[in-house]
Structure formats: structure tokens, C-alpha cells
Amino acid sequence: MIKNLEEYHELTKDLVNLPIYLKSWYLKSVCTEGDFKALVYNNEFGSSYLLPIYIKSKFGLKYAPMPNLCKWLGPVPLNTILPNSKHPITKKIKFLEQNFYYNSHYNLPKEFSGVDQIKCHSYQIDLRQQIEDIYGNINSGYRNNKLPKAENLILKISKDHKIICDLQFMSYGYSNFSPPFSKEFLLAHVKSIIYNNSGMVLSLHDRFGKPYAAAFLIWDTDKAYFHLAGMDPNYKKSSASIRIIWECIQYSKEILRKNIFDFEGSMIPRLERVRKNFGASKVYYSKVKYFNNDFIGKAIKFKNRFKSP
């Protein structure tokens, strides 16, 4: 059993192709209210894996949710062989839920045999196409109306963590939705990504410097991710929220030179529609749910019947 992020870092620091969400410094920025552990296990071919687990406690019961602002976790393949964990953490927790990063659901530890695996999806754009082809795949209503409507706004590319956090929280206020984290948590998270040279803020302003919309783009070796976005609700009709996506796509291809632009979700219909209008393709991943208590399992399943996808 890996007992903390320091041990996890030593085992994963040389994994060049590790998704950003599974990097030790990223996990440190989001696992702030519980304990971090990692299960060590070997598959049938003798390859060793780590399964990061974020453990919290409520009413005396231990459970393992997804950390806020961490879209994916899942198994991490190692370059070395380690013995299996002697005391699997799955025996101690009552409930675990993780979004497994693309294709990693094939490498489940034996403790997870028979768990619920739910098919989920995100949206991606293949940036190996010509930029003209990517633009041509955008919905004609966006190309002919929304993007031109916002063309007079000025684009700024910076490491201004404050502007993305301010606009993100303004968006929450407009939608009358309480954010699941504090502004301090968000600021620290964004600062950590910028410090590790894995993120950039793109924002749109009028000629007086007033920000209309912003996005926080993050990346790893192969992909760029549309991680955060926010806008001033007073300028909702400006189409700035549409143009900022196009600016992120262009930046990902032409400056970062990534192969894939990932929207980091979403399965919410109104957001899905925007992804599709940008010509993005649906890509699947697995949500894994493990219950070590029949009553809790039934209660959570009942509650989820009334939640949005």
C-alpha cells in the first residue's frame, strides 16, 4: 500500500505519458480534505499498477469519491514490478467511485470484480487535421453568427489566475448553483497548474479592458483539456463564451502542438450541444462504483436515479 503522495510521486515521476490528472502535484492540489492512498496490484500478465484513492470520512464511515476538479483517476501502469498490497484499502472503505481515464478499465484489480461500470463519455477534437478543416466542422450557425459577433473582443493569453477564478464564480452565481469548493481552493488549484507549466488562461476583453469570458486550458504530453471556463453574465449575448472555445482549440493546435483537444465532458445536454456544434466526437470512459456495504450501495443507487447525468 502506498501511504501518501510523496511515495506515489517517487513511483510515478518518470512516467512521461501520465495524464495530468494522475500526476502527483495535480493530485496534491485537489486532495485537500482527505487522505491519499494508492493500491498496488499486478494483473494476470505480471504488470504492476497503482490505483490512487482519495479517502474521506462522514458519520464515521470511510468512502472514496472523486476529488473536486479531477475529471479522471484510474489505474497507473508502472515501469517496475511491486508486490500486491497486503491489506487492500477496499476492505476498509464502504464506497468508492472513480472515473477511469480512457481505456484503463481493462486493468481492474481483482478486488473490483463484479463492480458497477457505467459507460460515460467526453468529447474530443482531433487536432492532427488542418486548422481549416477543424473550422469547417464547426456548426454553420457558430461560424456565421456567434463567432463573428465576438470578433471585436480582444484576446489576452496570460497566467492571470484571478480572472479565471472570478469569472468562474460569477458563472456559478448566475446559474444559482453553489460551487462544490471554495474560491481559495480554486485559486490554489489554478496556481499549482500554472506553476507546473501545464496551464494557461485565455480571456476576452472589450476595448476598455472589461473581461467578458475566460477559459483555463491545461495539458499533458498528448492532449489539451478545456478545464475551466467562466463569463460575466452581463455579457451573455456577446457570444464570448463561444469564441473563447475556438481560441482554446487554435492555441492547443498551433502553439501547444497537441494531438487532441478534450472538452473534459460533459454529459449534460446543454453542454453536449456546444461540444457537438464544434464538431467534437464522443469518446468513452468508465465510471467505476464499488460498494462494500449493501445498504449504502442501494441508498446511493436510489439517490442517483434523481440526479442529472
C-alpha atoms as a PDB file:
ATOM      1  CA  MET A   1       0.000   0.000   0.000  1.00  0.00           C
ATOM      2  CA  ILE A   2       1.280   3.445  -0.956  1.00  0.00           C
ATOM      3  CA  LYS A   3       0.549   5.587   2.081  1.00  0.00           C
ATOM      4  CA  ASN A   4       0.962   9.153   0.829  1.00  0.00           C
ATOM      5  CA  LEU A   5       1.590  11.409  -2.165  1.00  0.00           C
ATOM      6  CA  GLU A   6       5.337  11.507  -1.533  1.00  0.00           C
ATOM      7  CA  GLU A   7       5.628   7.741  -2.094  1.00  0.00           C
ATOM      8  CA  TYR A   8       3.303   7.990  -5.076  1.00  0.00           C
ATOM      9  CA  HIS A   9       5.482  10.755  -6.559  1.00  0.00           C
ATOM     10  CA  GLU A  10       8.638   8.638  -6.339  1.00  0.00           C
ATOM     11  CA  LEU A  11       6.977   5.804  -8.255  1.00  0.00           C
ATOM     12  CA  THR A  12       5.368   7.956 -10.960  1.00  0.00           C
ATOM     13  CA  LYS A  13       7.740  10.912 -11.501  1.00  0.00           C
ATOM     14  CA  ASP A  14       9.417   9.304 -14.533  1.00  0.00           C
ATOM     15  CA  LEU A  15       6.176   8.288 -16.285  1.00  0.00           C
ATOM     16  CA  VAL A  16       6.312  10.735 -19.192  1.00  0.00           C
ATOM     17  CA  ASN A  17       2.897   9.917 -20.657  1.00  0.00           C
ATOM     18  CA  LEU A  18       0.972  10.050 -17.394  1.00  0.00           C
ATOM     19  CA  PRO A  19      -2.287  12.030 -17.801  1.00  0.00           C
ATOM     20  CA  ILE A  20      -2.185  15.328 -15.953  1.00  0.00           C
ATOM     21  CA  TYR A  21      -4.940  14.266 -13.523  1.00  0.00           C
ATOM     22  CA  LEU A  22      -2.737  11.422 -12.250  1.00  0.00           C
ATOM     23  CA  LYS A  23       0.408  13.465 -11.676  1.00  0.00           C
ATOM     24  CA  SER A  24       1.395  13.779  -8.018  1.00  0.00           C
ATOM     25  CA  TRP A  25       1.436  17.575  -7.983  1.00  0.00           C
ATOM     26  CA  TYR A  26      -2.022  17.713  -9.564  1.00  0.00           C
ATOM     27  CA  LEU A  27      -3.419  15.268  -7.012  1.00  0.00           C
ATOM     28  CA  LYS A  28      -1.871  17.329  -4.227  1.00  0.00           C
ATOM     29  CA  SER A  29      -3.832  20.351  -5.446  1.00  0.00           C
ATOM     30  CA  VAL A  30      -7.202  18.551  -5.305  1.00  0.00           C
ATOM     31  CA  CYS A  31      -6.848  16.018  -2.466  1.00  0.00           C
ATOM     32  CA  THR A  32      -7.003  18.643   0.247  1.00  0.00           C
ATOM     33  CA  GLU A  33      -9.768  17.445   2.580  1.00  0.00           C
ATOM     34  CA  GLY A  34      -8.965  13.753   2.996  1.00  0.00           C
ATOM     35  CA  ASP A  35      -6.224  11.132   2.899  1.00  0.00           C
ATOM     36  CA  PHE A  36      -4.408   9.909  -0.188  1.00  0.00           C
ATOM     37  CA  LYS A  37      -3.537   6.233  -0.624  1.00  0.00           C
ATOM     38  CA  ALA A  38      -2.713   4.026  -3.596  1.00  0.00           C
ATOM     39  CA  LEU A  39      -3.453   0.348  -4.001  1.00  0.00           C
ATOM     40  CA  VAL A  40      -0.649  -1.726  -5.576  1.00  0.00           C
ATOM     41  CA  TYR A  41      -1.681  -4.718  -7.673  1.00  0.00           C
ATOM     42  CA  ASN A  42      -0.487  -6.906 -10.537  1.00  0.00           C
ATOM     43  CA  ASN A  43      -2.550  -8.033 -13.485  1.00  0.00           C
ATOM     44  CA  GLU A  44      -2.596 -11.541 -14.966  1.00  0.00           C
ATOM     45  CA  PHE A  45       0.440 -10.724 -17.133  1.00  0.00           C
ATOM     46  CA  GLY A  46       2.568  -9.664 -14.168  1.00  0.00           C
ATOM     47  CA  SER A  47       2.465  -5.913 -14.816  1.00  0.00           C
ATOM     48  CA  SER A  48       2.211  -3.680 -11.743  1.00  0.00           C
ATOM     49  CA  TYR A  49      -0.313  -0.875 -11.333  1.00  0.00           C
ATOM     50  CA  LEU A  50      -1.183   1.801  -8.812  1.00  0.00           C
ATOM     51  CA  LEU A  51      -4.766   2.781  -8.113  1.00  0.00           C
ATOM     52  CA  PRO A  52      -4.887   6.246  -6.468  1.00  0.00           C
ATOM     53  CA  ILE A  53      -7.632   6.529  -3.865  1.00  0.00           C
ATOM     54  CA  TYR A  54      -8.843   9.710  -2.155  1.00  0.00           C
ATOM     55  CA  ILE A  55     -10.379   8.809   1.198  1.00  0.00           C
ATOM     56  CA  LYS A  56     -12.815  10.929   3.164  1.00  0.00           C
ATOM     57  CA  SER A  57     -14.906  10.198   6.232  1.00  0.00           C
ATOM     58  CA  LYS A  58     -18.518  11.014   7.061  1.00  0.00           C
ATOM     59  CA  PHE A  59     -20.544   9.844  10.041  1.00  0.00           C
ATOM     60  CA  GLY A  60     -17.650   7.562  10.936  1.00  0.00           C
ATOM     61  CA  LEU A  61     -17.721   5.793   7.543  1.00  0.00           C
ATOM     62  CA  LYS A  62     -14.795   5.917   5.109  1.00  0.00           C
ATOM     63  CA  TYR A  63     -15.565   6.437   1.438  1.00  0.00           C
ATOM     64  CA  ALA A  64     -13.568   7.277  -1.690  1.00  0.00           C
ATOM     65  CA  PRO A  65     -15.109   9.895  -4.002  1.00  0.00           C
ATOM     66  CA  MET A  66     -13.595  11.721  -6.960  1.00  0.00           C
ATOM     67  CA  PRO A  67     -11.721  14.832  -5.804  1.00  0.00           C
ATOM     68  CA  ASN A  68     -13.172  18.155  -6.905  1.00  0.00           C
ATOM     69  CA  LEU A  69     -11.741  19.391 -10.246  1.00  0.00           C
ATOM     70  CA  CYS A  70     -10.242  15.978 -11.019  1.00  0.00           C
ATOM     71  CA  LYS A  71     -12.076  14.570 -14.028  1.00  0.00           C
ATOM     72  CA  TRP A  72     -10.312  11.209 -14.133  1.00  0.00           C
ATOM     73  CA  LEU A  73      -8.343   8.796 -11.943  1.00  0.00           C
ATOM     74  CA  GLY A  74      -7.903   5.063 -12.557  1.00  0.00           C
ATOM     75  CA  PRO A  75      -5.004   2.604 -12.763  1.00  0.00           C
ATOM     76  CA  VAL A  76      -1.448   3.853 -13.337  1.00  0.00           C
ATOM     77  CA  PRO A  77       0.884   1.378 -15.129  1.00  0.00           C
ATOM     78  CA  LEU A  78       4.349   1.225 -13.576  1.00  0.00           C
ATOM     79  CA  ASN A  79       7.765   0.608 -15.112  1.00  0.00           C
ATOM     80  CA  THR A  80       8.733  -1.603 -12.194  1.00  0.00           C
ATOM     81  CA  ILE A  81       7.270  -4.701 -10.529  1.00  0.00           C
ATOM     82  CA  LEU A  82       5.910  -4.323  -6.998  1.00  0.00           C
ATOM     83  CA  PRO A  83       4.215  -6.831  -4.676  1.00  0.00           C
ATOM     84  CA  ASN A  84       0.439  -6.623  -4.281  1.00  0.00           C
ATOM     85  CA  SER A  85      -0.875  -4.585  -1.368  1.00  0.00           C
ATOM     86  CA  LYS A  86      -1.286  -6.951   1.618  1.00  0.00           C
ATOM     87  CA  HIS A  87      -4.244  -5.108   3.087  1.00  0.00           C
ATOM     88  CA  PRO A  88      -6.382  -3.781   0.244  1.00  0.00           C
ATOM     89  CA  ILE A  89      -7.934  -0.451   1.099  1.00  0.00           C
ATOM     90  CA  THR A  90     -11.155  -1.650  -0.499  1.00  0.00           C
ATOM     91  CA  LYS A  91     -11.813  -3.687   2.655  1.00  0.00           C
ATOM     92  CA  LYS A  92     -11.826  -0.539   4.786  1.00  0.00           C
ATOM     93  CA  ILE A  93     -13.933   1.812   2.696  1.00  0.00           C
ATOM     94  CA  LYS A  94     -17.686   1.458   2.269  1.00  0.00           C
ATOM     95  CA  PHE A  95     -17.991   3.135  -1.105  1.00  0.00           C
ATOM     96  CA  LEU A  96     -15.669   4.058  -3.974  1.00  0.00           C
ATOM     97  CA  GLU A  97     -16.470   5.984  -7.145  1.00  0.00           C
ATOM     98  CA  GLN A  98     -13.931   6.829  -9.834  1.00  0.00           C
ATOM     99  CA  ASN A  99     -13.912   7.967 -13.421  1.00  0.00           C
ATOM    100  CA  PHE A 100     -11.257   5.770 -15.011  1.00  0.00           C
ATOM    101  CA  TYR A 101      -9.133   7.511 -17.624  1.00  0.00           C
ATOM    102  CA  TYR A 102      -9.677   6.373 -21.213  1.00  0.00           C
ATOM    103  CA  ASN A 103      -9.083   2.623 -21.792  1.00  0.00           C
ATOM    104  CA  SER A 104      -7.808   1.983 -18.258  1.00  0.00           C
ATOM    105  CA  HIS A 105     -10.935  -0.013 -17.286  1.00  0.00           C
ATOM    106  CA  TYR A 106      -9.264  -3.080 -18.785  1.00  0.00           C
ATOM    107  CA  ASN A 107      -6.780  -3.117 -15.905  1.00  0.00           C
ATOM    108  CA  LEU A 108      -9.004  -3.568 -12.874  1.00  0.00           C
ATOM    109  CA  PRO A 109      -7.634  -5.222  -9.711  1.00  0.00           C
ATOM    110  CA  LYS A 110      -9.320  -8.462  -8.657  1.00  0.00           C
ATOM    111  CA  GLU A 111     -10.925  -6.699  -5.674  1.00  0.00           C
ATOM    112  CA  PHE A 112     -13.121  -4.882  -8.189  1.00  0.00           C
ATOM    113  CA  SER A 113     -14.556  -7.949  -9.897  1.00  0.00           C
ATOM    114  CA  GLY A 114     -18.303  -7.524 -10.171  1.00  0.00           C
ATOM    115  CA  VAL A 115     -18.294  -3.749  -9.540  1.00  0.00           C
ATOM    116  CA  ASP A 116     -20.645  -1.436 -11.371  1.00  0.00           C
ATOM    117  CA  GLN A 117     -19.048   0.013 -14.515  1.00  0.00           C
ATOM    118  CA  ILE A 118     -21.056   2.806 -16.102  1.00  0.00           C
ATOM    119  CA  LYS A 119     -20.316   3.885 -19.662  1.00  0.00           C
ATOM    120  CA  CYS A 120     -19.696   7.656 -19.770  1.00  0.00           C
ATOM    121  CA  HIS A 121     -18.336   9.957 -22.432  1.00  0.00           C
ATOM    122  CA  SER A 122     -16.448  13.138 -23.129  1.00  0.00           C
ATOM    123  CA  TYR A 123     -15.901  14.974 -26.423  1.00  0.00           C
ATOM    124  CA  GLN A 124     -12.673  15.407 -28.370  1.00  0.00           C
ATOM    125  CA  ILE A 125     -11.384  17.142 -31.483  1.00  0.00           C
ATOM    126  CA  ASP A 126      -8.536  15.596 -33.475  1.00  0.00           C
ATOM    127  CA  LEU A 127      -6.012  18.408 -33.862  1.00  0.00           C
ATOM    128  CA  ARG A 128      -3.966  16.500 -36.427  1.00  0.00           C
ATOM    129  CA  GLN A 129      -6.354  17.861 -39.053  1.00  0.00           C
ATOM    130  CA  GLN A 130      -5.696  21.090 -40.886  1.00  0.00           C
ATOM    131  CA  ILE A 131      -6.990  24.120 -38.984  1.00  0.00           C
ATOM    132  CA  GLU A 132      -9.248  24.958 -41.949  1.00  0.00           C
ATOM    133  CA  ASP A 133     -10.874  21.529 -41.679  1.00  0.00           C
ATOM    134  CA  ILE A 134     -11.374  21.909 -37.930  1.00  0.00           C
ATOM    135  CA  TYR A 135     -13.021  25.284 -38.506  1.00  0.00           C
ATOM    136  CA  GLY A 136     -15.134  23.832 -41.305  1.00  0.00           C
ATOM    137  CA  ASN A 137     -16.526  21.188 -38.944  1.00  0.00           C
ATOM    138  CA  ILE A 138     -17.966  23.863 -36.664  1.00  0.00           C
ATOM    139  CA  ASN A 139     -21.720  24.374 -36.854  1.00  0.00           C
ATOM    140  CA  SER A 140     -22.581  26.973 -39.519  1.00  0.00           C
ATOM    141  CA  GLY A 141     -24.589  28.996 -37.003  1.00  0.00           C
ATOM    142  CA  TYR A 142     -21.466  29.372 -34.886  1.00  0.00           C
ATOM    143  CA  ARG A 143     -19.269  30.199 -37.905  1.00  0.00           C
ATOM    144  CA  ASN A 144     -21.641  32.691 -39.473  1.00  0.00           C
ATOM    145  CA  ASN A 145     -23.228  34.308 -36.421  1.00  0.00           C
ATOM    146  CA  LYS A 146     -21.740  33.674 -32.990  1.00  0.00           C
ATOM    147  CA  LEU A 147     -18.022  33.814 -33.795  1.00  0.00           C
ATOM    148  CA  PRO A 148     -18.268  36.999 -35.930  1.00  0.00           C
ATOM    149  CA  LYS A 149     -20.408  38.597 -33.217  1.00  0.00           C
ATOM    150  CA  ALA A 150     -17.490  38.340 -30.762  1.00  0.00           C
ATOM    151  CA  GLU A 151     -14.669  39.144 -33.210  1.00  0.00           C
ATOM    152  CA  ASN A 152     -14.141  42.684 -31.894  1.00  0.00           C
ATOM    153  CA  LEU A 153     -13.256  41.429 -28.418  1.00  0.00           C
ATOM    154  CA  ILE A 154      -9.547  41.435 -27.576  1.00  0.00           C
ATOM    155  CA  LEU A 155      -7.854  38.132 -26.741  1.00  0.00           C
ATOM    156  CA  LYS A 156      -5.377  38.013 -23.868  1.00  0.00           C
ATOM    157  CA  ILE A 157      -3.214  34.991 -23.071  1.00  0.00           C
ATOM    158  CA  SER A 158      -1.768  35.076 -19.576  1.00  0.00           C
ATOM    159  CA  LYS A 159      -1.187  33.330 -16.280  1.00  0.00           C
ATOM    160  CA  ASP A 160      -3.763  35.512 -14.549  1.00  0.00           C
ATOM    161  CA  HIS A 161      -5.281  33.012 -12.112  1.00  0.00           C
ATOM    162  CA  LYS A 162      -7.529  35.657 -10.560  1.00  0.00           C
ATOM    163  CA  ILE A 163      -9.529  36.425 -13.710  1.00  0.00           C
ATOM    164  CA  ILE A 164     -10.500  32.810 -14.393  1.00  0.00           C
ATOM    165  CA  CYS A 165     -11.457  32.244 -10.749  1.00  0.00           C
ATOM    166  CA  ASP A 166     -13.519  35.445 -10.585  1.00  0.00           C
ATOM    167  CA  LEU A 167     -15.417  34.660 -13.795  1.00  0.00           C
ATOM    168  CA  GLN A 168     -15.898  31.028 -12.795  1.00  0.00           C
ATOM    169  CA  PHE A 169     -17.611  32.099  -9.576  1.00  0.00           C
ATOM    170  CA  MET A 170     -19.644  34.739 -11.418  1.00  0.00           C
ATOM    171  CA  SER A 171     -20.974  31.957 -13.639  1.00  0.00           C
ATOM    172  CA  TYR A 172     -21.965  29.931 -10.589  1.00  0.00           C
ATOM    173  CA  GLY A 173     -23.824  32.918  -9.184  1.00  0.00           C
ATOM    174  CA  TYR A 174     -25.692  33.500 -12.444  1.00  0.00           C
ATOM    175  CA  SER A 175     -26.842  29.875 -12.641  1.00  0.00           C
ATOM    176  CA  ASN A 176     -27.940  29.970  -8.986  1.00  0.00           C
ATOM    177  CA  PHE A 177     -25.724  26.964  -8.300  1.00  0.00           C
ATOM    178  CA  SER A 178     -23.483  26.638  -5.250  1.00  0.00           C
ATOM    179  CA  PRO A 179     -19.921  25.628  -6.187  1.00  0.00           C
ATOM    180  CA  PRO A 180     -18.702  22.398  -4.541  1.00  0.00           C
ATOM    181  CA  PHE A 181     -15.460  24.086  -3.455  1.00  0.00           C
ATOM    182  CA  SER A 182     -14.251  27.409  -2.080  1.00  0.00           C
ATOM    183  CA  LYS A 183     -12.693  30.176  -4.111  1.00  0.00           C
ATOM    184  CA  GLU A 184      -9.481  29.664  -2.116  1.00  0.00           C
ATOM    185  CA  PHE A 185      -9.396  26.014  -3.224  1.00  0.00           C
ATOM    186  CA  LEU A 186      -9.892  27.051  -6.855  1.00  0.00           C
ATOM    187  CA  LEU A 187      -7.172  29.704  -6.715  1.00  0.00           C
ATOM    188  CA  ALA A 188      -4.658  27.289  -5.182  1.00  0.00           C
ATOM    189  CA  HIS A 189      -5.517  24.644  -7.793  1.00  0.00           C
ATOM    190  CA  VAL A 190      -5.069  27.021 -10.736  1.00  0.00           C
ATOM    191  CA  LYS A 191      -1.829  28.411  -9.283  1.00  0.00           C
ATOM    192  CA  SER A 192      -0.436  24.878  -8.908  1.00  0.00           C
ATOM    193  CA  ILE A 193      -1.112  24.026 -12.555  1.00  0.00           C
ATOM    194  CA  ILE A 194       0.447  27.274 -13.764  1.00  0.00           C
ATOM    195  CA  TYR A 195       3.471  26.751 -11.502  1.00  0.00           C
ATOM    196  CA  ASN A 196       3.996  23.324 -13.085  1.00  0.00           C
ATOM    197  CA  ASN A 197       3.867  24.830 -16.601  1.00  0.00           C
ATOM    198  CA  SER A 198       0.737  22.896 -17.524  1.00  0.00           C
ATOM    199  CA  GLY A 199      -1.907  25.583 -17.877  1.00  0.00           C
ATOM    200  CA  MET A 200      -2.727  28.940 -19.454  1.00  0.00           C
ATOM    201  CA  VAL A 201      -5.563  31.450 -19.088  1.00  0.00           C
ATOM    202  CA  LEU A 202      -7.223  32.763 -22.248  1.00  0.00           C
ATOM    203  CA  SER A 203      -9.610  35.695 -21.823  1.00  0.00           C
ATOM    204  CA  LEU A 204     -11.663  38.075 -23.971  1.00  0.00           C
ATOM    205  CA  HIS A 205     -11.976  41.783 -23.154  1.00  0.00           C
ATOM    206  CA  ASP A 206     -13.583  44.869 -24.607  1.00  0.00           C
ATOM    207  CA  ARG A 207     -11.502  47.901 -25.596  1.00  0.00           C
ATOM    208  CA  PHE A 208     -11.775  49.261 -22.048  1.00  0.00           C
ATOM    209  CA  GLY A 209     -10.257  46.086 -20.568  1.00  0.00           C
ATOM    210  CA  LYS A 210     -13.509  44.688 -19.197  1.00  0.00           C
ATOM    211  CA  PRO A 211     -13.337  40.857 -19.198  1.00  0.00           C
ATOM    212  CA  TYR A 212     -16.284  39.099 -20.844  1.00  0.00           C
ATOM    213  CA  ALA A 213     -15.204  35.456 -20.713  1.00  0.00           C
ATOM    214  CA  ALA A 214     -12.189  33.345 -19.817  1.00  0.00           C
ATOM    215  CA  ALA A 215     -11.047  29.741 -20.008  1.00  0.00           C
ATOM    216  CA  PHE A 216      -8.311  27.796 -18.276  1.00  0.00           C
ATOM    217  CA  LEU A 217      -6.616  25.403 -20.666  1.00  0.00           C
ATOM    218  CA  ILE A 218      -4.488  22.593 -19.208  1.00  0.00           C
ATOM    219  CA  TRP A 219      -2.386  19.942 -20.918  1.00  0.00           C
ATOM    220  CA  ASP A 220      -0.202  16.868 -20.692  1.00  0.00           C
ATOM    221  CA  THR A 221       2.002  15.154 -23.279  1.00  0.00           C
ATOM    222  CA  ASP A 222      -0.655  14.409 -25.872  1.00  0.00           C
ATOM    223  CA  LYS A 223      -3.821  16.337 -25.021  1.00  0.00           C
ATOM    224  CA  ALA A 224      -5.083  19.781 -24.117  1.00  0.00           C
ATOM    225  CA  TYR A 225      -8.149  19.957 -21.861  1.00  0.00           C
ATOM    226  CA  PHE A 226     -10.852  22.614 -21.567  1.00  0.00           C
ATOM    227  CA  HIS A 227     -10.597  22.565 -17.786  1.00  0.00           C
ATOM    228  CA  LEU A 228     -12.409  25.686 -16.546  1.00  0.00           C
ATOM    229  CA  ALA A 229     -14.492  28.414 -18.111  1.00  0.00           C
ATOM    230  CA  GLY A 230     -16.427  31.395 -16.863  1.00  0.00           C
ATOM    231  CA  MET A 231     -18.121  34.506 -18.135  1.00  0.00           C
ATOM    232  CA  ASP A 232     -19.654  37.724 -16.913  1.00  0.00           C
ATOM    233  CA  PRO A 233     -23.414  37.059 -17.137  1.00  0.00           C
ATOM    234  CA  ASN A 234     -23.993  40.708 -18.077  1.00  0.00           C
ATOM    235  CA  TYR A 235     -22.414  39.895 -21.451  1.00  0.00           C
ATOM    236  CA  LYS A 236     -24.058  36.558 -22.096  1.00  0.00           C
ATOM    237  CA  LYS A 237     -25.358  37.712 -25.503  1.00  0.00           C
ATOM    238  CA  SER A 238     -21.892  38.719 -26.712  1.00  0.00           C
ATOM    239  CA  SER A 239     -21.029  35.135 -27.807  1.00  0.00           C
ATOM    240  CA  ALA A 240     -17.729  35.498 -25.935  1.00  0.00           C
ATOM    241  CA  SER A 241     -18.252  32.051 -24.378  1.00  0.00           C
ATOM    242  CA  ILE A 242     -18.300  30.535 -27.882  1.00  0.00           C
ATOM    243  CA  ARG A 243     -15.312  32.417 -29.233  1.00  0.00           C
ATOM    244  CA  ILE A 244     -13.181  31.555 -26.186  1.00  0.00           C
ATOM    245  CA  ILE A 245     -13.608  27.862 -27.009  1.00  0.00           C
ATOM    246  CA  TRP A 246     -12.410  28.442 -30.574  1.00  0.00           C
ATOM    247  CA  GLU A 247      -9.404  30.383 -29.274  1.00  0.00           C
ATOM    248  CA  CYS A 248      -8.536  27.453 -26.961  1.00  0.00           C
ATOM    249  CA  ILE A 249      -8.762  24.992 -29.850  1.00  0.00           C
ATOM    250  CA  GLN A 250      -6.450  27.127 -32.003  1.00  0.00           C
ATOM    251  CA  TYR A 251      -3.972  27.626 -29.150  1.00  0.00           C
ATOM    252  CA  SER A 252      -3.916  23.877 -28.465  1.00  0.00           C
ATOM    253  CA  LYS A 253      -3.082  23.101 -32.078  1.00  0.00           C
ATOM    254  CA  GLU A 254      -0.865  25.963 -33.190  1.00  0.00           C
ATOM    255  CA  ILE A 255       1.016  26.891 -30.009  1.00  0.00           C
ATOM    256  CA  LEU A 256       0.941  23.783 -27.812  1.00  0.00           C
ATOM    257  CA  ARG A 257       1.019  21.413 -30.819  1.00  0.00           C
ATOM    258  CA  LYS A 258      -1.125  18.811 -29.100  1.00  0.00           C
ATOM    259  CA  ASN A 259      -2.817  15.964 -30.938  1.00  0.00           C
ATOM    260  CA  ILE A 260      -6.156  16.067 -29.137  1.00  0.00           C
ATOM    261  CA  PHE A 261      -8.401  18.784 -27.712  1.00  0.00           C
ATOM    262  CA  ASP A 262     -10.554  17.314 -24.930  1.00  0.00           C
ATOM    263  CA  PHE A 263     -13.643  19.090 -23.614  1.00  0.00           C
ATOM    264  CA  GLU A 264     -13.384  17.224 -20.283  1.00  0.00           C
ATOM    265  CA  GLY A 265     -17.032  16.135 -20.603  1.00  0.00           C
ATOM    266  CA  SER A 266     -19.876  16.807 -20.484  1.00  0.00           C
ATOM    267  CA  MET A 267     -22.935  14.562 -20.494  1.00  0.00           C
ATOM    268  CA  ILE A 268     -25.204  17.466 -19.518  1.00  0.00           C
ATOM    269  CA  PRO A 269     -27.392  18.052 -22.614  1.00  0.00           C
ATOM    270  CA  ARG A 270     -26.963  21.859 -22.894  1.00  0.00           C
ATOM    271  CA  LEU A 271     -23.161  21.472 -22.699  1.00  0.00           C
ATOM    272  CA  GLU A 272     -23.132  18.462 -25.016  1.00  0.00           C
ATOM    273  CA  ARG A 273     -24.832  20.558 -27.651  1.00  0.00           C
ATOM    274  CA  VAL A 274     -21.978  23.082 -27.630  1.00  0.00           C
ATOM    275  CA  ARG A 275     -19.366  20.297 -27.932  1.00  0.00           C
ATOM    276  CA  LYS A 276     -21.199  18.796 -30.897  1.00  0.00           C
ATOM    277  CA  ASN A 277     -21.543  22.204 -32.554  1.00  0.00           C
ATOM    278  CA  PHE A 278     -17.753  22.454 -32.515  1.00  0.00           C
ATOM    279  CA  GLY A 279     -17.527  19.180 -34.448  1.00  0.00           C
ATOM    280  CA  ALA A 280     -16.227  17.171 -31.486  1.00  0.00           C
ATOM    281  CA  SER A 281     -16.551  13.390 -31.391  1.00  0.00           C
ATOM    282  CA  LYS A 282     -17.830  11.333 -28.492  1.00  0.00           C
ATOM    283  CA  VAL A 283     -15.150   9.319 -26.641  1.00  0.00           C
ATOM    284  CA  TYR A 284     -15.996   6.786 -23.929  1.00  0.00           C
ATOM    285  CA  TYR A 285     -14.594   6.104 -20.471  1.00  0.00           C
ATOM    286  CA  SER A 286     -15.834   4.113 -17.466  1.00  0.00           C
ATOM    287  CA  LYS A 287     -17.237   5.276 -14.153  1.00  0.00           C
ATOM    288  CA  VAL A 288     -16.470   2.543 -11.608  1.00  0.00           C
ATOM    289  CA  LYS A 289     -18.583   2.167  -8.468  1.00  0.00           C
ATOM    290  CA  TYR A 290     -17.657  -0.209  -5.670  1.00  0.00           C
ATOM    291  CA  PHE A 291     -19.871  -0.863  -2.652  1.00  0.00           C
ATOM    292  CA  ASN A 292     -18.585  -2.643   0.449  1.00  0.00           C
ATOM    293  CA  ASN A 293     -21.955  -2.266   2.140  1.00  0.00           C
ATOM    294  CA  ASP A 294     -25.260  -3.409   0.611  1.00  0.00           C
ATOM    295  CA  PHE A 295     -27.348  -0.752   2.359  1.00  0.00           C
ATOM    296  CA  ILE A 296     -25.064   2.116   1.256  1.00  0.00           C
ATOM    297  CA  GLY A 297     -24.955   0.737  -2.255  1.00  0.00           C
ATOM    298  CA  LYS A 298     -28.730   0.627  -2.531  1.00  0.00           C
ATOM    299  CA  ALA A 299     -29.098   4.096  -0.981  1.00  0.00           C
ATOM    300  CA  ILE A 300     -26.611   5.686  -3.404  1.00  0.00           C
ATOM    301  CA  LYS A 301     -28.158   3.980  -6.411  1.00  0.00           C
ATOM    302  CA  PHE A 302     -31.601   5.221  -5.332  1.00  0.00           C
ATOM    303  CA  LYS A 303     -30.294   8.791  -4.881  1.00  0.00           C
ATOM    304  CA  ASN A 304     -28.589   8.748  -8.296  1.00  0.00           C
ATOM    305  CA  ARG A 305     -31.897   7.990 -10.007  1.00  0.00           C
ATOM    306  CA  PHE A 306     -32.839  11.616  -9.385  1.00  0.00           C
ATOM    307  CA  LYS A 307     -29.548  13.209 -10.455  1.00  0.00           C
ATOM    308  CA  SER A 308     -28.764  14.739 -13.833  1.00  0.00           C
ATOM    309  CA  PRO A 309     -26.289  12.702 -15.967  1.00  0.00           C
END
